[in-house]
Amino acid sequence: MPPLNALLALEAIARHQSFTRAASELSITQTAISHRIKELESLLGIQLFSRKQNLTKITNEGRIYLECVRPAIAQIAAATESVSSVHDNRLTIACLFAFSARCLTPALPEFLAMHPNVELRLMPLAPTDRLEQCDFDVAIWHGIDDWPDFDAQKIADEDIFPVCAPALLASGPPLRISEDLRHYPIVRTASPIITDDWTVWLRESNTEVDTFVSEVHCGTLAFAMNAIIEGLGVGIGRSMLVGKDLESGRLVEPFTFRYRSPAGYHVLSRPERSALPKVQKFKRWLLAHFAKTGQAIPIGAAPGLHEPFSWD
């Protein structure tokens, strides 16, 4: 049997793609973590990592081995945590930044009031992250229900529709019908690998507009939301994220058509951690909290239609 500390070193280096960052996470020296990997490579008779020009990459043999042992590592960690009085109430929540800032964090005082002994640990997620490489108790992710390695429940149905700052409408031409969008700047969330919902909304609303006064491109949804609120253009809002802004008047909805998106925010956990009491408590609270608006989806309900993309 390989030493457990060597397996932990393997998992950490593969996740960080760095011996230095993995050593820091495990609170050991870089020399110590290198010795652990050499010991494991000697036992297995294979090379686990290749290092060229300061880049650390796991080899194909190392990746295959890690995929086999990672579930066992997670099961050992979950089993230990489930019986440990020290870590029993430590809850690690991984969350996409926009949802955390606009939905989760403002609601967490309610959760802590109900469960004051829970110790929260919040970690950010980017839409390009690979969930299987992240260590968490629960994660909040956006997309369709297509995560076979996780237990997932949809938090709420989601509508997408244009929103903008009131000042933008006050200073611009009339925006009475969707075709009037051609006279306005728009805000897009776009990167080389993800795109926003403008194309979907324009298609579903039968709006024949393909050019705008200008386009502001933002690399993340959080940047895009700030740009919309500050009046840089009209953007696509998600009902969960912009509800409070519409109620307060910070944003306005110029049209009546909303498209019910097949994607949405989900709460996920690994099967080996789903039965932990702290995970169950958080999931029950989260779904109940958003059920207050009448939007939450009961556990086990069908996720609805499928959409080929997701962005955040």
Protein backbone atom coordinates (compact mmCIF):
# COMPACT_ATOMS: atom_id res chain seq x y z
CA MET A 1 0.00 0.00 0.00
CA PRO A 2 1.33 3.47 -0.83
CA PRO A 3 1.74 5.97 2.02
CA LEU A 4 -1.32 8.19 2.40
CA ASN A 5 0.81 11.35 2.61
CA ALA A 6 2.25 10.50 -0.82
CA LEU A 7 -1.26 10.17 -2.27
CA LEU A 8 -2.21 13.52 -0.74
CA ALA A 9 0.87 15.07 -2.34
CA LEU A 10 -0.07 13.57 -5.71
CA GLU A 11 -3.62 14.95 -5.51
CA ALA A 12 -2.52 18.42 -4.39
CA ILE A 13 0.18 18.80 -7.05
CA ALA A 14 -2.18 17.64 -9.80
CA ARG A 15 -4.84 20.12 -8.66
CA HIS A 16 -2.47 23.10 -8.34
CA GLN A 17 -0.10 22.06 -11.15
CA SER A 18 2.64 23.27 -8.87
CA PHE A 19 4.91 21.60 -6.30
CA THR A 20 5.31 24.91 -4.48
CA ARG A 21 1.59 25.66 -4.07
CA ALA A 22 0.84 22.05 -3.13
CA ALA A 23 3.57 22.12 -0.48
CA SER A 24 2.13 25.33 0.93
CA GLU A 25 -1.36 23.80 1.12
CA LEU A 26 -0.05 20.72 2.93
CA SER A 27 2.17 22.84 5.23
CA ILE A 28 5.37 21.03 4.26
CA THR A 29 8.51 22.04 2.42
CA GLN A 30 8.95 21.69 -1.33
CA THR A 31 11.78 19.24 -0.65
CA ALA A 32 9.48 17.09 1.47
CA ILE A 33 6.76 16.97 -1.15
CA SER A 34 9.31 16.08 -3.84
CA HIS A 35 10.52 13.17 -1.69
CA ARG A 36 6.93 11.93 -1.31
CA ILE A 37 6.41 11.92 -5.08
CA LYS A 38 9.75 10.18 -5.71
CA GLU A 39 8.79 7.53 -3.16
CA LEU A 40 5.44 6.99 -4.88
CA GLU A 41 7.04 6.90 -8.36
CA SER A 42 9.54 4.31 -7.11
CA LEU A 43 6.74 2.16 -5.71
CA LEU A 44 4.62 2.39 -8.88
CA GLY A 45 7.47 2.25 -11.38
CA ILE A 46 6.08 5.17 -13.40
CA GLN A 47 6.69 8.89 -13.77
CA LEU A 48 3.84 10.92 -12.27
CA PHE A 49 4.76 14.46 -13.34
CA SER A 50 6.76 16.14 -16.08
CA ARG A 51 8.40 19.50 -15.40
CA LYS A 52 9.54 21.69 -18.28
CA GLN A 53 10.21 25.43 -18.20
CA ASN A 54 8.69 25.82 -14.72
CA LEU A 55 5.49 24.05 -15.82
CA THR A 56 4.28 21.01 -13.89
CA LYS A 57 1.99 18.59 -15.70
CA ILE A 58 0.72 15.22 -14.62
CA THR A 59 1.60 12.39 -17.01
CA ASN A 60 -1.02 10.18 -18.64
CA GLU A 61 -0.04 7.32 -16.32
CA GLY A 62 -0.25 9.65 -13.34
CA ARG A 63 -3.67 10.93 -14.40
CA ILE A 64 -5.06 7.40 -14.75
CA TYR A 65 -3.73 6.45 -11.31
CA LEU A 66 -5.04 9.62 -9.70
CA GLU A 67 -8.52 9.09 -11.16
CA CYS A 68 -8.55 5.67 -9.49
CA VAL A 69 -7.33 6.77 -6.05
CA ARG A 70 -8.98 10.20 -5.77
CA PRO A 71 -12.44 8.80 -4.86
CA ALA A 72 -10.78 6.72 -2.13
CA ILE A 73 -9.01 9.80 -0.76
CA ALA A 74 -12.30 11.70 -0.73
CA GLN A 75 -14.06 8.81 1.02
CA ILE A 76 -11.37 8.61 3.68
CA ALA A 77 -11.57 12.37 4.24
CA ALA A 78 -15.37 12.33 4.43
CA ALA A 79 -15.41 9.35 6.78
CA THR A 80 -12.84 10.98 9.05
CA GLU A 81 -14.65 14.28 9.05
CA SER A 82 -17.99 12.65 9.79
CA VAL A 83 -16.71 11.22 13.09
CA SER A 84 -14.28 13.99 14.04
CA SER A 85 -15.47 16.44 16.68
CA VAL A 86 -12.83 18.94 15.53
CA HIS A 87 -14.08 19.26 11.94
CA ASP A 88 -17.67 18.10 12.31
CA ASN A 89 -19.08 21.62 11.93
CA ARG A 90 -16.63 23.00 9.37
CA LEU A 91 -18.56 23.54 6.12
CA THR A 92 -16.67 24.40 2.93
CA ILE A 93 -18.87 26.10 0.33
CA ALA A 94 -17.52 26.63 -3.18
CA CYS A 95 -19.56 29.18 -5.10
CA LEU A 96 -19.53 31.15 -8.33
CA PHE A 97 -18.64 34.74 -7.53
CA ALA A 98 -21.73 36.49 -8.91
CA PHE A 99 -24.13 34.18 -7.06
CA SER A 100 -22.10 34.49 -3.87
CA ALA A 101 -22.05 38.28 -3.95
CA ARG A 102 -25.67 38.84 -4.93
CA CYS A 103 -27.53 35.85 -3.43
CA LEU A 104 -25.61 33.59 -1.07
CA THR A 105 -23.53 35.89 1.15
CA PRO A 106 -26.43 38.27 1.98
CA ALA A 107 -28.50 35.25 3.05
CA LEU A 108 -25.85 33.45 5.12
CA PRO A 109 -26.59 35.35 8.38
CA GLU A 110 -29.95 33.55 8.40
CA PHE A 111 -28.21 30.18 8.08
CA LEU A 112 -25.71 31.00 10.85
CA ALA A 113 -28.53 32.17 13.12
CA MET A 114 -30.16 28.76 12.68
CA HIS A 115 -26.87 26.84 13.00
CA PRO A 116 -24.50 29.02 15.10
CA ASN A 117 -21.99 26.20 15.63
CA VAL A 118 -21.23 25.78 11.93
CA GLU A 119 -17.85 27.10 10.86
CA LEU A 120 -18.11 28.43 7.30
CA ARG A 121 -15.33 28.35 4.76
CA LEU A 122 -16.12 30.09 1.48
CA MET A 123 -14.08 29.52 -1.66
CA PRO A 124 -14.61 31.15 -5.08
CA LEU A 125 -15.36 29.21 -8.25
CA ALA A 126 -14.77 30.33 -11.82
CA PRO A 127 -16.91 28.93 -14.66
CA THR A 128 -13.76 27.43 -16.16
CA ASP A 129 -12.92 25.46 -13.00
CA ARG A 130 -13.15 21.67 -13.01
CA LEU A 131 -15.34 20.66 -10.10
CA GLU A 132 -13.74 17.24 -9.78
CA GLN A 133 -10.45 18.97 -8.94
CA CYS A 134 -11.93 21.19 -6.23
CA ASP A 135 -12.25 20.22 -2.58
CA PHE A 136 -15.56 21.27 -1.04
CA ASP A 137 -18.52 20.01 0.95
CA VAL A 138 -21.08 21.76 -1.25
CA ALA A 139 -20.77 23.81 -4.42
CA ILE A 140 -23.11 26.19 -6.19
CA TRP A 141 -22.75 25.85 -9.95
CA HIS A 142 -24.62 27.09 -13.00
CA GLY A 143 -25.77 25.03 -15.95
CA ILE A 144 -27.98 22.09 -16.75
CA ASP A 145 -28.30 19.06 -14.48
CA ASP A 146 -25.46 17.20 -16.14
CA TRP A 147 -23.03 16.26 -13.37
CA PRO A 148 -23.12 12.44 -13.06
CA ASP A 149 -20.39 12.40 -10.40
CA PHE A 150 -22.31 14.70 -8.04
CA ASP A 151 -25.63 14.82 -6.23
CA ALA A 152 -27.27 17.97 -7.63
CA GLN A 153 -30.50 19.83 -6.88
CA LYS A 154 -31.72 22.84 -8.83
CA ILE A 155 -32.11 25.84 -6.54
CA ALA A 156 -34.66 27.75 -8.59
CA ASP A 157 -36.09 28.22 -12.06
CA GLU A 158 -34.40 31.01 -13.94
CA ASP A 159 -35.67 33.62 -16.39
CA ILE A 160 -33.36 35.70 -18.57
CA PHE A 161 -34.30 39.14 -19.90
CA PRO A 162 -32.76 42.55 -20.70
CA VAL A 163 -32.17 44.99 -17.85
CA CYS A 164 -30.53 48.40 -17.63
CA ALA A 165 -30.00 51.37 -15.37
CA PRO A 166 -32.85 53.95 -15.29
CA ALA A 167 -30.41 56.72 -16.18
CA LEU A 168 -29.56 54.97 -19.45
CA LEU A 169 -33.20 55.05 -20.53
CA ALA A 170 -33.62 58.63 -19.40
CA SER A 171 -30.72 59.82 -21.55
CA GLY A 172 -31.36 57.65 -24.60
CA PRO A 173 -33.93 57.28 -27.36
CA PRO A 174 -37.25 55.48 -26.70
CA LEU A 175 -36.94 51.78 -25.89
CA ARG A 176 -40.53 50.66 -26.41
CA ILE A 177 -40.05 47.49 -28.50
CA SER A 178 -37.17 45.05 -28.66
CA GLU A 179 -36.09 46.28 -32.12
CA ASP A 180 -35.23 49.61 -30.47
CA LEU A 181 -32.23 47.87 -28.91
CA ARG A 182 -30.31 48.69 -32.09
CA HIS A 183 -30.11 52.28 -30.81
CA TYR A 184 -28.45 51.31 -27.53
CA PRO A 185 -25.09 49.96 -26.34
CA ILE A 186 -25.21 46.48 -24.87
CA VAL A 187 -23.13 44.71 -22.22
CA ARG A 188 -21.94 41.21 -23.00
CA THR A 189 -20.35 38.56 -20.82
CA ALA A 190 -17.86 36.87 -23.10
CA SER A 191 -14.52 35.09 -23.08
CA PRO A 192 -12.73 32.81 -25.55
CA ILE A 193 -14.68 29.77 -24.26
CA ILE A 194 -18.00 31.07 -22.92
CA THR A 195 -20.67 33.48 -24.11
CA ASP A 196 -23.79 35.10 -22.71
CA ASP A 197 -27.52 34.73 -23.31
CA TRP A 198 -28.10 37.65 -25.69
CA THR A 199 -28.32 35.32 -28.71
CA VAL A 200 -30.88 33.10 -26.98
CA TRP A 201 -33.08 35.98 -25.79
CA LEU A 202 -33.05 37.74 -29.19
CA ARG A 203 -33.98 34.50 -30.92
CA GLU A 204 -36.74 33.52 -28.50
CA SER A 205 -38.24 37.02 -28.53
CA ASN A 206 -38.22 37.10 -32.35
CA THR A 207 -36.09 40.22 -32.31
CA GLU A 208 -34.32 40.84 -35.61
CA VAL A 209 -31.44 42.97 -34.39
CA ASP A 210 -27.83 42.02 -35.04
CA THR A 211 -26.00 45.34 -34.62
CA PHE A 212 -25.94 47.80 -31.74
CA VAL A 213 -24.53 51.26 -31.10
CA SER A 214 -21.62 49.57 -29.29
CA GLU A 215 -20.78 46.50 -27.22
CA VAL A 216 -19.02 46.35 -23.87
CA HIS A 217 -17.41 42.95 -23.37
CA CYS A 218 -16.82 41.72 -19.80
CA GLY A 219 -14.80 38.67 -18.85
CA THR A 220 -17.07 37.66 -15.95
CA LEU A 221 -20.72 37.95 -15.05
CA ALA A 222 -19.83 40.00 -11.97
CA PHE A 223 -18.08 42.59 -14.16
CA ALA A 224 -21.03 42.62 -16.54
CA MET A 225 -23.53 43.21 -13.72
CA ASN A 226 -21.50 46.17 -12.44
CA ALA A 227 -21.28 47.60 -15.95
CA ILE A 228 -25.07 47.32 -16.39
CA ILE A 229 -25.80 48.94 -13.03
CA GLU A 230 -23.40 51.80 -13.81
CA GLY A 231 -25.25 52.52 -17.06
CA LEU A 232 -22.73 51.32 -19.63
CA GLY A 233 -25.40 49.49 -21.60
CA VAL A 234 -28.35 47.11 -21.66
CA GLY A 235 -27.47 43.61 -20.48
CA ILE A 236 -29.09 40.24 -19.95
CA GLY A 237 -30.11 39.64 -16.35
CA ARG A 238 -30.81 36.40 -14.55
CA SER A 239 -33.94 36.54 -12.42
CA MET A 240 -32.16 35.25 -9.31
CA LEU A 241 -29.37 37.81 -9.57
CA VAL A 242 -31.29 40.97 -10.47
CA GLY A 243 -34.48 40.58 -8.42
CA LYS A 244 -33.40 42.90 -5.59
CA ASP A 245 -32.04 45.48 -8.05
CA LEU A 246 -35.39 45.57 -9.86
CA GLU A 247 -37.25 45.94 -6.55
CA SER A 248 -35.00 48.79 -5.41
CA GLY A 249 -35.08 50.59 -8.76
CA ARG A 250 -31.36 50.25 -9.40
CA LEU A 251 -32.30 48.38 -12.57
CA VAL A 252 -35.36 48.44 -14.79
CA GLU A 253 -36.81 45.86 -17.16
CA PRO A 254 -37.69 47.59 -20.45
CA PHE A 255 -39.66 44.68 -21.97
CA THR A 256 -42.27 42.21 -20.76
CA PHE A 257 -40.86 39.10 -22.45
CA ARG A 258 -38.82 36.77 -20.26
CA TYR A 259 -37.29 33.52 -21.48
CA ARG A 260 -37.39 30.58 -19.07
CA SER A 261 -33.85 29.26 -19.27
CA PRO A 262 -33.25 25.50 -19.11
CA ALA A 263 -30.06 26.25 -17.18
CA GLY A 264 -29.96 27.45 -13.62
CA TYR A 265 -28.10 27.45 -10.32
CA HIS A 266 -27.66 24.08 -8.61
CA VAL A 267 -26.28 22.97 -5.26
CA LEU A 268 -23.90 20.02 -5.63
CA SER A 269 -22.12 17.61 -3.32
CA ARG A 270 -20.12 14.46 -3.81
CA PRO A 271 -22.10 11.29 -3.02
CA GLU A 272 -19.67 10.34 -0.24
CA ARG A 273 -20.33 13.69 1.49
CA SER A 274 -24.03 14.13 0.78
CA ALA A 275 -25.03 12.20 3.91
CA LEU A 276 -22.96 14.37 6.27
CA PRO A 277 -25.32 16.22 8.65
CA LYS A 278 -23.75 19.62 7.93
CA VAL A 279 -24.24 19.13 4.17
CA GLN A 280 -27.84 18.07 4.66
CA LYS A 281 -28.51 21.07 6.92
CA PHE A 282 -27.09 23.51 4.39
CA LYS A 283 -28.95 22.02 1.43
CA ARG A 284 -32.27 22.04 3.29
CA TRP A 285 -31.77 25.64 4.36
CA LEU A 286 -30.63 26.81 0.91
CA LEU A 287 -33.59 25.30 -0.93
CA ALA A 288 -36.04 26.50 1.73
CA HIS A 289 -34.61 30.02 1.64
CA PHE A 290 -35.16 30.42 -2.08
CA ALA A 291 -38.50 28.64 -1.86
CA LYS A 292 -39.76 31.72 -0.01
CA THR A 293 -39.98 33.45 -3.38
CA GLY A 294 -41.92 30.55 -4.85
CA GLN A 295 -39.08 29.73 -7.28
CA ALA A 296 -37.21 26.86 -5.61
CA ILE A 297 -37.33 23.40 -7.16
CA PRO A 298 -38.10 20.53 -4.75
CA ILE A 299 -35.41 17.87 -4.37
CA GLY A 300 -35.88 15.20 -7.03
CA ALA A 301 -37.86 17.40 -9.42
CA ALA A 302 -37.00 17.22 -13.10
CA PRO A 303 -34.52 19.88 -14.18
CA GLY A 304 -36.41 20.76 -17.34
CA LEU A 305 -35.04 21.37 -20.80
CA HIS A 306 -31.38 21.27 -21.72
CA GLU A 307 -29.22 24.06 -23.06
CA PRO A 308 -25.78 23.56 -24.61
CA PHE A 309 -23.98 26.28 -22.69
CA SER A 310 -23.61 28.03 -19.35
CA TRP A 311 -21.79 31.17 -18.26
CA ASP A 312 -21.12 33.06 -15.07
